[in-house]
């Protein structure tokens, strides 16, 4: 009995972690979509914190994300993703360099503008 529990328990743990990761991705995608829409349309969209199908909300983001991720994850040959993942270190270095440059720029001035100057 313990043998079977030892086989099933890690699988359930991985499935739980994947579900949590998917929920976090949906929660991050929804405000990002609203920000892009706001930037393109020049309007202020309404943010709905609870998932609903009556308006554009996290429910639609979850469906769209599932429709995109399922075919990607179903591929047999994932070499292209491995190559893209190997470039991740370069982008992390660029991001850290950006943070350091902004740190020195921010410590050299006390004039901060939020939004546009107009």
PDB file of N, CA and C in Angstrom:
ATOM      1  N   UNK A   1       0.823  -1.191   0.000  1.00  0.00           N
ATOM      2  CA  UNK A   1       0.000   0.000   0.000  1.00  0.00           C
ATOM      3  C   UNK A   1       0.869   1.258   0.000  1.00  0.00           C
ATOM      4  N   UNK A   2       1.915   1.269   0.804  1.00  0.00           N
ATOM      5  CA  UNK A   2       2.814   2.413   0.863  1.00  0.00           C
ATOM      6  C   UNK A   2       3.532   2.644  -0.455  1.00  0.00           C
ATOM      7  N   UNK A   3       3.785   1.551  -1.175  1.00  0.00           N
ATOM      8  CA  UNK A   3       4.437   1.655  -2.486  1.00  0.00           C
ATOM      9  C   UNK A   3       3.573   2.457  -3.442  1.00  0.00           C
ATOM     10  N   UNK A   4       2.281   2.181  -3.474  1.00  0.00           N
ATOM     11  CA  UNK A   4       1.375   2.886  -4.367  1.00  0.00           C
ATOM     12  C   UNK A   4       1.190   4.341  -3.942  1.00  0.00           C
ATOM     13  N   UNK A   5       1.147   4.586  -2.656  1.00  0.00           N
ATOM     14  CA  UNK A   5       1.063   5.964  -2.171  1.00  0.00           C
ATOM     15  C   UNK A   5       2.322   6.731  -2.572  1.00  0.00           C
ATOM     16  N   UNK A   6       3.468   6.067  -2.487  1.00  0.00           N
ATOM     17  CA  UNK A   6       4.720   6.691  -2.905  1.00  0.00           C
ATOM     18  C   UNK A   6       4.770   6.986  -4.388  1.00  0.00           C
ATOM     19  N   UNK A   7       4.024   6.235  -5.191  1.00  0.00           N
ATOM     20  CA  UNK A   7       3.961   6.506  -6.623  1.00  0.00           C
ATOM     21  C   UNK A   7       2.961   7.613  -6.962  1.00  0.00           C
ATOM     22  N   UNK A   8       1.836   7.636  -6.254  1.00  0.00           N
ATOM     23  CA  UNK A   8       0.757   8.567  -6.577  1.00  0.00           C
ATOM     24  C   UNK A   8       0.977   9.939  -5.951  1.00  0.00           C
ATOM     25  N   UNK A   9       1.515  10.011  -4.742  1.00  0.00           N
ATOM     26  CA  UNK A   9       1.642  11.280  -4.023  1.00  0.00           C
ATOM     27  C   UNK A   9       2.493  12.311  -4.771  1.00  0.00           C
ATOM     28  N   UNK A  10       3.660  11.971  -5.325  1.00  0.00           N
ATOM     29  CA  UNK A  10       4.401  13.000  -6.074  1.00  0.00           C
ATOM     30  C   UNK A  10       3.649  13.492  -7.309  1.00  0.00           C
ATOM     31  N   UNK A  11       2.899  12.611  -7.954  1.00  0.00           N
ATOM     32  CA  UNK A  11       2.101  13.029  -9.104  1.00  0.00           C
ATOM     33  C   UNK A  11       1.027  14.022  -8.706  1.00  0.00           C
ATOM     34  N   UNK A  12       0.356  13.762  -7.575  1.00  0.00           N
ATOM     35  CA  UNK A  12      -0.660  14.700  -7.094  1.00  0.00           C
ATOM     36  C   UNK A  12      -0.034  16.026  -6.690  1.00  0.00           C
ATOM     37  N   UNK A  13       1.146  15.985  -6.108  1.00  0.00           N
ATOM     38  CA  UNK A  13       1.840  17.208  -5.735  1.00  0.00           C
ATOM     39  C   UNK A  13       2.190  18.035  -6.970  1.00  0.00           C
ATOM     40  N   UNK A  14       2.649  17.386  -8.022  1.00  0.00           N
ATOM     41  CA  UNK A  14       2.989  18.098  -9.258  1.00  0.00           C
ATOM     42  C   UNK A  14       1.737  18.677  -9.902  1.00  0.00           C
ATOM     43  N   UNK A  15       0.642  17.930  -9.908  1.00  0.00           N
ATOM     44  CA  UNK A  15      -0.612  18.443 -10.476  1.00  0.00           C
ATOM     45  C   UNK A  15      -1.086  19.662  -9.688  1.00  0.00           C
ATOM     46  N   UNK A  16      -0.992  19.618  -8.368  1.00  0.00           N
ATOM     47  CA  UNK A  16      -1.366  20.769  -7.542  1.00  0.00           C
ATOM     48  C   UNK A  16      -0.499  21.974  -7.836  1.00  0.00           C
ATOM     49  N   UNK A  17       0.800  21.762  -7.995  1.00  0.00           N
ATOM     50  CA  UNK A  17       1.701  22.874  -8.311  1.00  0.00           C
ATOM     51  C   UNK A  17       1.394  23.462  -9.677  1.00  0.00           C
ATOM     52  N   UNK A  18       1.047  22.620 -10.643  1.00  0.00           N
ATOM     53  CA  UNK A  18       0.702  23.114 -11.982  1.00  0.00           C
ATOM     54  C   UNK A  18      -0.589  23.929 -11.934  1.00  0.00           C
ATOM     55  N   UNK A  19      -1.562  23.491 -11.150  1.00  0.00           N
ATOM     56  CA  UNK A  19      -2.814  24.235 -11.017  1.00  0.00           C
ATOM     57  C   UNK A  19      -2.556  25.605 -10.394  1.00  0.00           C
ATOM     58  N   UNK A  20      -1.752  25.643  -9.341  1.00  0.00           N
ATOM     59  CA  UNK A  20      -1.431  26.923  -8.692  1.00  0.00           C
ATOM     60  C   UNK A  20      -0.701  27.837  -9.666  1.00  0.00           C
ATOM     61  N   UNK A  21       0.241  27.289 -10.427  1.00  0.00           N
ATOM     62  CA  UNK A  21       0.992  28.089 -11.401  1.00  0.00           C
ATOM     63  C   UNK A  21       0.066  28.637 -12.480  1.00  0.00           C
ATOM     64  N   UNK A  22      -0.892  27.831 -12.942  1.00  0.00           N
ATOM     65  CA  UNK A  22      -1.843  28.284 -13.957  1.00  0.00           C
ATOM     66  C   UNK A  22      -2.717  29.416 -13.414  1.00  0.00           C
ATOM     67  N   UNK A  23      -3.158  29.300 -12.179  1.00  0.00           N
ATOM     68  CA  UNK A  23      -3.985  30.351 -11.575  1.00  0.00           C
ATOM     69  C   UNK A  23      -3.184  31.647 -11.455  1.00  0.00           C
ATOM     70  N   UNK A  24      -1.929  31.546 -11.040  1.00  0.00           N
ATOM     71  CA  UNK A  24      -1.093  32.738 -10.925  1.00  0.00           C
ATOM     72  C   UNK A  24      -0.874  33.368 -12.297  1.00  0.00           C
ATOM     73  N   UNK A  25      -0.664  32.555 -13.316  1.00  0.00           N
ATOM     74  CA  UNK A  25      -0.492  33.093 -14.667  1.00  0.00           C
ATOM     75  C   UNK A  25      -1.745  33.816 -15.135  1.00  0.00           C
ATOM     76  N   UNK A  26      -2.924  33.268 -14.840  1.00  0.00           N
ATOM     77  CA  UNK A  26      -4.174  33.925 -15.223  1.00  0.00           C
ATOM     78  C   UNK A  26      -4.361  35.230 -14.463  1.00  0.00           C
ATOM     79  N   UNK A  27      -4.002  35.245 -13.189  1.00  0.00           N
ATOM     80  CA  UNK A  27      -4.136  36.462 -12.398  1.00  0.00           C
ATOM     81  C   UNK A  27      -3.162  37.545 -12.855  1.00  0.00           C
ATOM     82  N   UNK A  28      -2.049  37.160 -13.439  1.00  0.00           N
ATOM     83  CA  UNK A  28      -1.104  38.145 -13.957  1.00  0.00           C
ATOM     84  C   UNK A  28      -1.476  38.578 -15.377  1.00  0.00           C
ATOM     85  N   UNK A  29      -2.081  37.689 -16.146  1.00  0.00           N
ATOM     86  CA  UNK A  29      -2.425  38.005 -17.528  1.00  0.00           C
ATOM     87  C   UNK A  29      -3.571  39.009 -17.609  1.00  0.00           C
ATOM     88  N   UNK A  30      -4.540  38.926 -16.716  1.00  0.00           N
ATOM     89  CA  UNK A  30      -5.710  39.800 -16.783  1.00  0.00           C
ATOM     90  C   UNK A  30      -5.339  41.279 -16.620  1.00  0.00           C
ATOM     91  N   UNK A  31      -4.608  41.685 -15.575  1.00  0.00           N
ATOM     92  CA  UNK A  31      -4.229  43.108 -15.502  1.00  0.00           C
ATOM     93  C   UNK A  31      -3.305  43.537 -16.643  1.00  0.00           C
ATOM     94  N   UNK A  32      -2.483  42.608 -17.119  1.00  0.00           N
ATOM     95  CA  UNK A  32      -1.607  42.927 -18.244  1.00  0.00           C
ATOM     96  C   UNK A  32      -2.431  43.209 -19.503  1.00  0.00           C
ATOM     97  N   UNK A  33      -3.452  42.401 -19.746  1.00  0.00           N
ATOM     98  CA  UNK A  33      -4.343  42.634 -20.897  1.00  0.00           C
ATOM     99  C   UNK A  33      -5.077  43.966 -20.757  1.00  0.00           C
ATOM    100  N   UNK A  34      -5.524  44.282 -19.541  1.00  0.00           N
ATOM    101  CA  UNK A  34      -6.193  45.565 -19.320  1.00  0.00           C
ATOM    102  C   UNK A  34      -5.239  46.734 -19.550  1.00  0.00           C
ATOM    103  N   UNK A  35      -3.997  46.597 -19.117  1.00  0.00           N
ATOM    104  CA  UNK A  35      -3.015  47.664 -19.309  1.00  0.00           C
ATOM    105  C   UNK A  35      -2.713  47.871 -20.784  1.00  0.00           C
ATOM    106  N   UNK A  36      -2.578  46.781 -21.534  1.00  0.00           N
ATOM    107  CA  UNK A  36      -2.317  46.897 -22.974  1.00  0.00           C
ATOM    108  C   UNK A  36      -3.517  47.520 -23.679  1.00  0.00           C
ATOM    109  N   UNK A  37      -4.727  47.097 -23.290  1.00  0.00           N
ATOM    110  CA  UNK A  37      -5.934  47.684 -23.882  1.00  0.00           C
ATOM    111  C   UNK A  37      -6.020  49.173 -23.560  1.00  0.00           C
ATOM    112  N   UNK A  38      -5.713  49.532 -22.333  1.00  0.00           N
ATOM    113  CA  UNK A  38      -5.747  50.929 -21.924  1.00  0.00           C
ATOM    114  C   UNK A  38      -4.728  51.747 -22.692  1.00  0.00           C
ATOM    115  N   UNK A  39      -3.562  51.195 -22.922  1.00  0.00           N
ATOM    116  CA  UNK A  39      -2.504  51.893 -23.645  1.00  0.00           C
ATOM    117  C   UNK A  39      -2.866  52.068 -25.117  1.00  0.00           C
ATOM    118  N   UNK A  40      -3.455  51.032 -25.734  1.00  0.00           N
ATOM    119  CA  UNK A  40      -3.797  51.105 -27.149  1.00  0.00           C
ATOM    120  C   UNK A  40      -5.026  51.977 -27.375  1.00  0.00           C
ATOM    121  N   UNK A  41      -6.083  51.754 -26.584  1.00  0.00           N
ATOM    122  CA  UNK A  41      -7.345  52.456 -26.803  1.00  0.00           C
ATOM    123  C   UNK A  41      -7.358  53.843 -26.164  1.00  0.00           C
ATOM    124  N   UNK A  42      -6.494  54.078 -25.206  1.00  0.00           N
ATOM    125  CA  UNK A  42      -6.480  55.375 -24.535  1.00  0.00           C
ATOM    126  C   UNK A  42      -7.654  55.566 -23.593  1.00  0.00           C
ATOM    127  N   UNK A  43      -8.256  54.471 -23.152  1.00  0.00           N
ATOM    128  CA  UNK A  43      -9.380  54.553 -22.223  1.00  0.00           C
ATOM    129  C   UNK A  43      -9.015  53.863 -20.917  1.00  0.00           C
ATOM    130  N   UNK A  44      -9.890  53.972 -19.960  1.00  0.00           N
ATOM    131  CA  UNK A  44      -9.664  53.354 -18.659  1.00  0.00           C
ATOM    132  C   UNK A  44     -10.655  52.198 -18.484  1.00  0.00           C
ATOM    133  N   UNK A  45     -10.241  50.948 -18.754  1.00  0.00           N
ATOM    134  CA  UNK A  45     -11.181  49.826 -18.646  1.00  0.00           C
ATOM    135  C   UNK A  45     -11.519  49.516 -17.184  1.00  0.00           C
ATOM    136  N   UNK A  46     -12.657  48.887 -16.997  1.00  0.00           N
ATOM    137  CA  UNK A  46     -13.105  48.516 -15.653  1.00  0.00           C
ATOM    138  C   UNK A  46     -12.436  47.218 -15.239  1.00  0.00           C
ATOM    139  N   UNK A  47     -11.871  47.214 -14.034  1.00  0.00           N
ATOM    140  CA  UNK A  47     -11.221  46.018 -13.487  1.00  0.00           C
ATOM    141  C   UNK A  47     -12.251  45.244 -12.671  1.00  0.00           C
ATOM    142  N   UNK A  48     -12.482  43.993 -13.041  1.00  0.00           N
ATOM    143  CA  UNK A  48     -13.388  43.120 -12.295  1.00  0.00           C
ATOM    144  C   UNK A  48     -12.552  42.118 -11.507  1.00  0.00           C
ATOM    145  N   UNK A  49     -12.522  42.239 -10.180  1.00  0.00           N
ATOM    146  CA  UNK A  49     -11.657  41.352  -9.388  1.00  0.00           C
ATOM    147  C   UNK A  49     -12.139  39.901  -9.336  1.00  0.00           C
ATOM    148  N   UNK A  50     -13.431  39.680  -9.480  1.00  0.00           N
ATOM    149  CA  UNK A  50     -13.975  38.320  -9.420  1.00  0.00           C
ATOM    150  C   UNK A  50     -14.174  37.768 -10.824  1.00  0.00           C
ATOM    151  N   UNK A  51     -13.863  36.490 -11.035  1.00  0.00           N
ATOM    152  CA  UNK A  51     -14.075  35.898 -12.370  1.00  0.00           C
ATOM    153  C   UNK A  51     -15.564  35.855 -12.721  1.00  0.00           C
ATOM    154  N   UNK A  52     -15.895  36.361 -13.883  1.00  0.00           N
ATOM    155  CA  UNK A  52     -17.265  36.354 -14.369  1.00  0.00           C
ATOM    156  C   UNK A  52     -17.242  36.275 -15.890  1.00  0.00           C
ATOM    157  N   UNK A  53     -18.272  35.693 -16.465  1.00  0.00           N
ATOM    158  CA  UNK A  53     -18.369  35.637 -17.916  1.00  0.00           C
ATOM    159  C   UNK A  53     -19.235  36.763 -18.464  1.00  0.00           C
ATOM    160  N   UNK A  54     -19.785  37.604 -17.582  1.00  0.00           N
ATOM    161  CA  UNK A  54     -20.606  38.722 -18.028  1.00  0.00           C
ATOM    162  C   UNK A  54     -19.756  39.824 -18.657  1.00  0.00           C
ATOM    163  N   UNK A  55     -18.525  39.966 -18.205  1.00  0.00           N
ATOM    164  CA  UNK A  55     -17.594  40.970 -18.704  1.00  0.00           C
ATOM    165  C   UNK A  55     -16.248  40.300 -18.928  1.00  0.00           C
ATOM    166  N   UNK A  56     -15.338  41.017 -19.580  1.00  0.00           N
ATOM    167  CA  UNK A  56     -13.983  40.498 -19.736  1.00  0.00           C
ATOM    168  C   UNK A  56     -13.327  40.453 -18.363  1.00  0.00           C
ATOM    169  N   UNK A  57     -12.962  39.245 -17.932  1.00  0.00           N
ATOM    170  CA  UNK A  57     -12.363  39.074 -16.617  1.00  0.00           C
ATOM    171  C   UNK A  57     -11.359  37.926 -16.674  1.00  0.00           C
ATOM    172  N   UNK A  58     -10.951  37.455 -15.501  1.00  0.00           N
ATOM    173  CA  UNK A  58      -9.975  36.374 -15.423  1.00  0.00           C
ATOM    174  C   UNK A  58     -10.502  35.082 -16.044  1.00  0.00           C
ATOM    175  N   UNK A  59     -11.803  34.922 -16.130  1.00  0.00           N
ATOM    176  CA  UNK A  59     -12.375  33.719 -16.738  1.00  0.00           C
ATOM    177  C   UNK A  59     -11.983  33.614 -18.206  1.00  0.00           C
ATOM    178  N   UNK A  60     -12.108  34.716 -18.926  1.00  0.00           N
ATOM    179  CA  UNK A  60     -11.733  34.703 -20.334  1.00  0.00           C
ATOM    180  C   UNK A  60     -10.229  34.549 -20.508  1.00  0.00           C
ATOM    181  N   UNK A  61      -9.454  35.131 -19.595  1.00  0.00           N
ATOM    182  CA  UNK A  61      -7.996  34.964 -19.663  1.00  0.00           C
ATOM    183  C   UNK A  61      -7.613  33.505 -19.428  1.00  0.00           C
ATOM    184  N   UNK A  62      -8.298  32.829 -18.522  1.00  0.00           N
ATOM    185  CA  UNK A  62      -8.007  31.425 -18.248  1.00  0.00           C
ATOM    186  C   UNK A  62      -8.318  30.550 -19.460  1.00  0.00           C
ATOM    187  N   UNK A  63      -9.437  30.830 -20.121  1.00  0.00           N
ATOM    188  CA  UNK A  63      -9.800  30.048 -21.308  1.00  0.00           C
ATOM    189  C   UNK A  63      -8.793  30.298 -22.432  1.00  0.00           C
ATOM    190  N   UNK A  64      -8.423  31.560 -22.657  1.00  0.00           N
ATOM    191  CA  UNK A  64      -7.468  31.880 -23.710  1.00  0.00           C
ATOM    192  C   UNK A  64      -6.096  31.279 -23.402  1.00  0.00           C
ATOM    193  N   UNK A  65      -5.685  31.354 -22.145  1.00  0.00           N
ATOM    194  CA  UNK A  65      -4.384  30.807 -21.761  1.00  0.00           C
ATOM    195  C   UNK A  65      -4.359  29.292 -21.916  1.00  0.00           C
ATOM    196  N   UNK A  66      -5.452  28.623 -21.551  1.00  0.00           N
ATOM    197  CA  UNK A  66      -5.527  27.169 -21.729  1.00  0.00           C
ATOM    198  C   UNK A  66      -5.499  26.807 -23.204  1.00  0.00           C
ATOM    199  N   UNK A  67      -6.205  27.591 -24.031  1.00  0.00           N
ATOM    200  CA  UNK A  67      -6.222  27.316 -25.470  1.00  0.00           C
ATOM    201  C   UNK A  67      -4.840  27.505 -26.099  1.00  0.00           C
ATOM    202  N   UNK A  68      -4.036  28.378 -25.529  1.00  0.00           N
ATOM    203  CA  UNK A  68      -2.686  28.593 -26.053  1.00  0.00           C
ATOM    204  C   UNK A  68      -1.710  27.563 -25.504  1.00  0.00           C
ATOM    205  N   UNK A  69      -1.795  27.265 -24.206  1.00  0.00           N
ATOM    206  CA  UNK A  69      -0.796  26.413 -23.560  1.00  0.00           C
ATOM    207  C   UNK A  69      -0.966  24.926 -23.852  1.00  0.00           C
ATOM    208  N   UNK A  70      -2.177  24.463 -24.032  1.00  0.00           N
ATOM    209  CA  UNK A  70      -2.383  23.026 -24.271  1.00  0.00           C
ATOM    210  C   UNK A  70      -1.713  22.567 -25.566  1.00  0.00           C
ATOM    211  N   UNK A  71      -1.889  23.271 -26.701  1.00  0.00           N
ATOM    212  CA  UNK A  71      -1.157  22.825 -27.897  1.00  0.00           C
ATOM    213  C   UNK A  71       0.365  22.958 -27.766  1.00  0.00           C
ATOM    214  N   UNK A  72       0.812  23.997 -27.072  1.00  0.00           N
ATOM    215  CA  UNK A  72       2.259  24.165 -26.903  1.00  0.00           C
ATOM    216  C   UNK A  72       2.835  23.024 -26.071  1.00  0.00           C
ATOM    217  N   UNK A  73       2.169  22.674 -24.983  1.00  0.00           N
ATOM    218  CA  UNK A  73       2.672  21.619 -24.100  1.00  0.00           C
ATOM    219  C   UNK A  73       2.476  20.225 -24.683  1.00  0.00           C
ATOM    220  N   UNK A  74       1.636  20.099 -25.692  1.00  0.00           N
ATOM    221  CA  UNK A  74       1.393  18.789 -26.296  1.00  0.00           C
ATOM    222  C   UNK A  74       2.403  18.434 -27.376  1.00  0.00           C
ATOM    223  N   UNK A  75       3.295  19.345 -27.688  1.00  0.00           N
ATOM    224  CA  UNK A  75       4.302  19.060 -28.713  1.00  0.00           C
ATOM    225  C   UNK A  75       5.249  17.973 -28.226  1.00  0.00           C
ATOM    226  N   UNK A  76       5.693  17.148 -29.156  1.00  0.00           N
ATOM    227  CA  UNK A  76       6.650  16.098 -28.803  1.00  0.00           C
ATOM    228  C   UNK A  76       8.075  16.624 -28.822  1.00  0.00           C
ATOM    229  N   UNK A  77       8.379  17.476 -29.768  1.00  0.00           N
ATOM    230  CA  UNK A  77       9.728  18.015 -29.893  1.00  0.00           C
ATOM    231  C   UNK A  77       9.767  19.408 -29.262  1.00  0.00           C
ATOM    232  N   UNK A  78      10.367  19.518 -28.093  1.00  0.00           N
ATOM    233  CA  UNK A  78      10.422  20.784 -27.366  1.00  0.00           C
ATOM    234  C   UNK A  78      11.804  21.435 -27.439  1.00  0.00           C
ATOM    235  N   UNK A  79      12.586  21.089 -28.457  1.00  0.00           N
ATOM    236  CA  UNK A  79      13.940  21.634 -28.569  1.00  0.00           C
ATOM    237  C   UNK A  79      13.954  23.153 -28.709  1.00  0.00           C
ATOM    238  N   UNK A  80      12.982  23.714 -29.422  1.00  0.00           N
ATOM    239  CA  UNK A  80      12.955  25.165 -29.596  1.00  0.00           C
ATOM    240  C   UNK A  80      12.784  25.860 -28.253  1.00  0.00           C
ATOM    241  N   UNK A  81      11.974  25.273 -27.352  1.00  0.00           N
ATOM    242  CA  UNK A  81      11.781  25.885 -26.045  1.00  0.00           C
ATOM    243  C   UNK A  81      13.030  25.753 -25.182  1.00  0.00           C
ATOM    244  N   UNK A  82      13.774  24.671 -25.363  1.00  0.00           N
ATOM    245  CA  UNK A  82      15.033  24.515 -24.644  1.00  0.00           C
ATOM    246  C   UNK A  82      16.044  25.555 -25.095  1.00  0.00           C
ATOM    247  N   UNK A  83      16.071  25.837 -26.398  1.00  0.00           N
ATOM    248  CA  UNK A  83      16.989  26.857 -26.908  1.00  0.00           C
ATOM    249  C   UNK A  83      16.600  28.239 -26.410  1.00  0.00           C
ATOM    250  N   UNK A  84      15.307  28.532 -26.398  1.00  0.00           N
ATOM    251  CA  UNK A  84      14.847  29.823 -25.890  1.00  0.00           C
ATOM    252  C   UNK A  84      15.145  29.937 -24.402  1.00  0.00           C
ATOM    253  N   UNK A  85      14.965  28.856 -23.666  1.00  0.00           N
ATOM    254  CA  UNK A  85      15.252  28.871 -22.232  1.00  0.00           C
ATOM    255  C   UNK A  85      16.713  29.090 -21.920  1.00  0.00           C
ATOM    256  N   UNK A  86      17.591  28.656 -22.802  1.00  0.00           N
ATOM    257  CA  UNK A  86      19.017  28.869 -22.569  1.00  0.00           C
ATOM    258  C   UNK A  86      19.387  30.340 -22.692  1.00  0.00           C
ATOM    259  N   UNK A  87      18.567  31.123 -23.396  1.00  0.00           N
ATOM    260  CA  UNK A  87      18.814  32.562 -23.507  1.00  0.00           C
ATOM    261  C   UNK A  87      18.316  33.328 -22.286  1.00  0.00           C
ATOM    262  N   UNK A  88      17.628  32.654 -21.389  1.00  0.00           N
ATOM    263  CA  UNK A  88      17.066  33.313 -20.216  1.00  0.00           C
ATOM    264  C   UNK A  88      18.111  33.966 -19.340  1.00  0.00           C
ATOM    265  N   UNK A  89      19.287  33.376 -19.246  1.00  0.00           N
ATOM    266  CA  UNK A  89      20.349  33.933 -18.418  1.00  0.00           C
ATOM    267  C   UNK A  89      20.766  35.302 -18.941  1.00  0.00           C
ATOM    268  N   UNK A  90      20.832  35.449 -20.248  1.00  0.00           N
ATOM    269  CA  UNK A  90      21.212  36.728 -20.836  1.00  0.00           C
ATOM    270  C   UNK A  90      20.197  37.804 -20.471  1.00  0.00           C
ATOM    271  N   UNK A  91      18.905  37.473 -20.546  1.00  0.00           N
ATOM    272  CA  UNK A  91      17.879  38.453 -20.238  1.00  0.00           C
ATOM    273  C   UNK A  91      17.845  38.781 -18.743  1.00  0.00           C
ATOM    274  N   UNK A  92      18.159  37.831 -17.898  1.00  0.00           N
ATOM    275  CA  UNK A  92      18.241  38.113 -16.467  1.00  0.00           C
ATOM    276  C   UNK A  92      19.396  39.067 -16.182  1.00  0.00           C
ATOM    277  N   UNK A  93      20.528  38.878 -16.855  1.00  0.00           N
ATOM    278  CA  UNK A  93      21.667  39.790 -16.691  1.00  0.00           C
ATOM    279  C   UNK A  93      21.283  41.191 -17.169  1.00  0.00           C
ATOM    280  N   UNK A  94      20.602  41.299 -18.313  1.00  0.00           N
ATOM    281  CA  UNK A  94      20.158  42.609 -18.795  1.00  0.00           C
ATOM    282  C   UNK A  94      19.192  43.260 -17.811  1.00  0.00           C
ATOM    283  N   UNK A  95      18.294  42.475 -17.241  1.00  0.00           N
ATOM    284  CA  UNK A  95      17.331  43.005 -16.277  1.00  0.00           C
ATOM    285  C   UNK A  95      18.040  43.508 -15.019  1.00  0.00           C
ATOM    286  N   UNK A  96      18.997  42.751 -14.521  1.00  0.00           N
ATOM    287  CA  UNK A  96      19.761  43.205 -13.352  1.00  0.00           C
ATOM    288  C   UNK A  96      20.569  44.453 -13.677  1.00  0.00           C
ATOM    289  N   UNK A  97      21.131  44.523 -14.860  1.00  0.00           N
ATOM    290  CA  UNK A  97      21.857  45.714 -15.278  1.00  0.00           C
ATOM    291  C   UNK A  97      20.921  46.922 -15.341  1.00  0.00           C
ATOM    292  N   UNK A  98      19.710  46.731 -15.839  1.00  0.00           N
ATOM    293  CA  UNK A  98      18.705  47.792 -15.874  1.00  0.00           C
ATOM    294  C   UNK A  98      18.372  48.279 -14.469  1.00  0.00           C
ATOM    295  N   UNK A  99      18.216  47.367 -13.526  1.00  0.00           N
ATOM    296  CA  UNK A  99      17.909  47.747 -12.146  1.00  0.00           C
ATOM    297  C   UNK A  99      19.068  48.539 -11.540  1.00  0.00           C
ATOM    298  N   UNK A 100      20.292  48.106 -11.767  1.00  0.00           N
ATOM    299  CA  UNK A 100      21.452  48.805 -11.212  1.00  0.00           C
ATOM    300  C   UNK A 100      21.583  50.202 -11.813  1.00  0.00           C
ATOM    301  N   UNK A 101      21.401  50.333 -13.135  1.00  0.00           N
ATOM    302  CA  UNK A 101      21.483  51.640 -13.777  1.00  0.00           C
ATOM    303  C   UNK A 101      20.401  52.569 -13.246  1.00  0.00           C
ATOM    304  N   UNK A 102      19.181  52.080 -13.107  1.00  0.00           N
ATOM    305  CA  UNK A 102      18.108  52.910 -12.561  1.00  0.00           C
ATOM    306  C   UNK A 102      18.352  53.272 -11.108  1.00  0.00           C
ATOM    307  N   UNK A 103      18.998  52.412 -10.358  1.00  0.00           N
ATOM    308  CA  UNK A 103      19.331  52.717  -8.969  1.00  0.00           C
ATOM    309  C   UNK A 103      20.274  53.912  -8.910  1.00  0.00           C
ATOM    310  N   UNK A 104      21.337  53.872  -9.714  1.00  0.00           N
ATOM    311  CA  UNK A 104      22.290  54.982  -9.696  1.00  0.00           C
ATOM    312  C   UNK A 104      21.678  56.259 -10.256  1.00  0.00           C
ATOM    313  N   UNK A 105      20.802  56.134 -11.244  1.00  0.00           N
ATOM    314  CA  UNK A 105      20.121  57.301 -11.791  1.00  0.00           C
ATOM    315  C   UNK A 105      19.177  57.910 -10.754  1.00  0.00           C
ATOM    316  N   UNK A 106      18.488  57.057  -9.989  1.00  0.00           N
ATOM    317  CA  UNK A 106      17.545  57.545  -8.985  1.00  0.00           C
ATOM    318  C   UNK A 106      18.256  58.161  -7.789  1.00  0.00           C
ATOM    319  N   UNK A 107      19.433  57.661  -7.444  1.00  0.00           N
ATOM    320  CA  UNK A 107      20.147  58.241  -6.306  1.00  0.00           C
ATOM    321  C   UNK A 107      20.859  59.546  -6.679  1.00  0.00           C
ATOM    322  N   UNK A 108      21.016  59.811  -7.972  1.00  0.00           N
ATOM    323  CA  UNK A 108      21.691  61.040  -8.376  1.00  0.00           C
ATOM    324  C   UNK A 108      20.748  62.229  -8.498  1.00  0.00           C
ATOM    325  N   UNK A 109      19.449  61.997  -8.462  1.00  0.00           N
ATOM    326  CA  UNK A 109      18.492  63.093  -8.598  1.00  0.00           C
ATOM    327  C   UNK A 109      17.366  62.933  -7.588  1.00  0.00           C
ATOM    328  N   UNK A 110      16.741  64.054  -7.266  1.00  0.00           N
ATOM    329  CA  UNK A 110      15.568  64.011  -6.382  1.00  0.00           C
ATOM    330  C   UNK A 110      14.326  64.486  -7.116  1.00  0.00           C
ATOM    331  N   UNK A 111      14.421  64.689  -8.424  1.00  0.00           N
ATOM    332  CA  UNK A 111      13.300  65.124  -9.249  1.00  0.00           C
ATOM    333  C   UNK A 111      12.626  63.893  -9.851  1.00  0.00           C
ATOM    334  N   UNK A 112      11.462  63.535  -9.337  1.00  0.00           N
ATOM    335  CA  UNK A 112      10.738  62.378  -9.836  1.00  0.00           C
ATOM    336  C   UNK A 112       9.430  62.824 -10.441  1.00  0.00           C
ATOM    337  N   UNK A 113       9.066  62.258 -11.577  1.00  0.00           N
ATOM    338  CA  UNK A 113       7.814  62.555 -12.253  1.00  0.00           C
ATOM    339  C   UNK A 113       7.058  61.250 -12.409  1.00  0.00           C
ATOM    340  N   UNK A 114       5.821  61.241 -11.927  1.00  0.00           N
ATOM    341  CA  UNK A 114       4.970  60.063 -12.089  1.00  0.00           C
ATOM    342  C   UNK A 114       3.981  60.383 -13.204  1.00  0.00           C
ATOM    343  N   UNK A 115       3.979  59.586 -14.236  1.00  0.00           N
ATOM    344  CA  UNK A 115       3.135  59.864 -15.393  1.00  0.00           C
ATOM    345  C   UNK A 115       3.861  60.783 -16.350  1.00  0.00           C
ATOM    346  N   UNK A 116       3.105  61.617 -17.063  1.00  0.00           N
ATOM    347  CA  UNK A 116       3.719  62.557 -17.992  1.00  0.00           C
ATOM    348  C   UNK A 116       3.907  63.895 -17.317  1.00  0.00           C
ATOM    349  N   UNK A 117       4.806  64.712 -17.834  1.00  0.00           N
ATOM    350  CA  UNK A 117       5.067  66.030 -17.235  1.00  0.00           C
ATOM    351  C   UNK A 117       3.992  67.037 -17.565  1.00  0.00           C
ATOM    352  N   UNK A 118       3.161  66.762 -18.572  1.00  0.00           N
ATOM    353  CA  UNK A 118       2.147  67.735 -18.996  1.00  0.00           C
ATOM    354  C   UNK A 118       1.017  67.858 -18.029  1.00  0.00           C
TER     355      UNK A 118
END
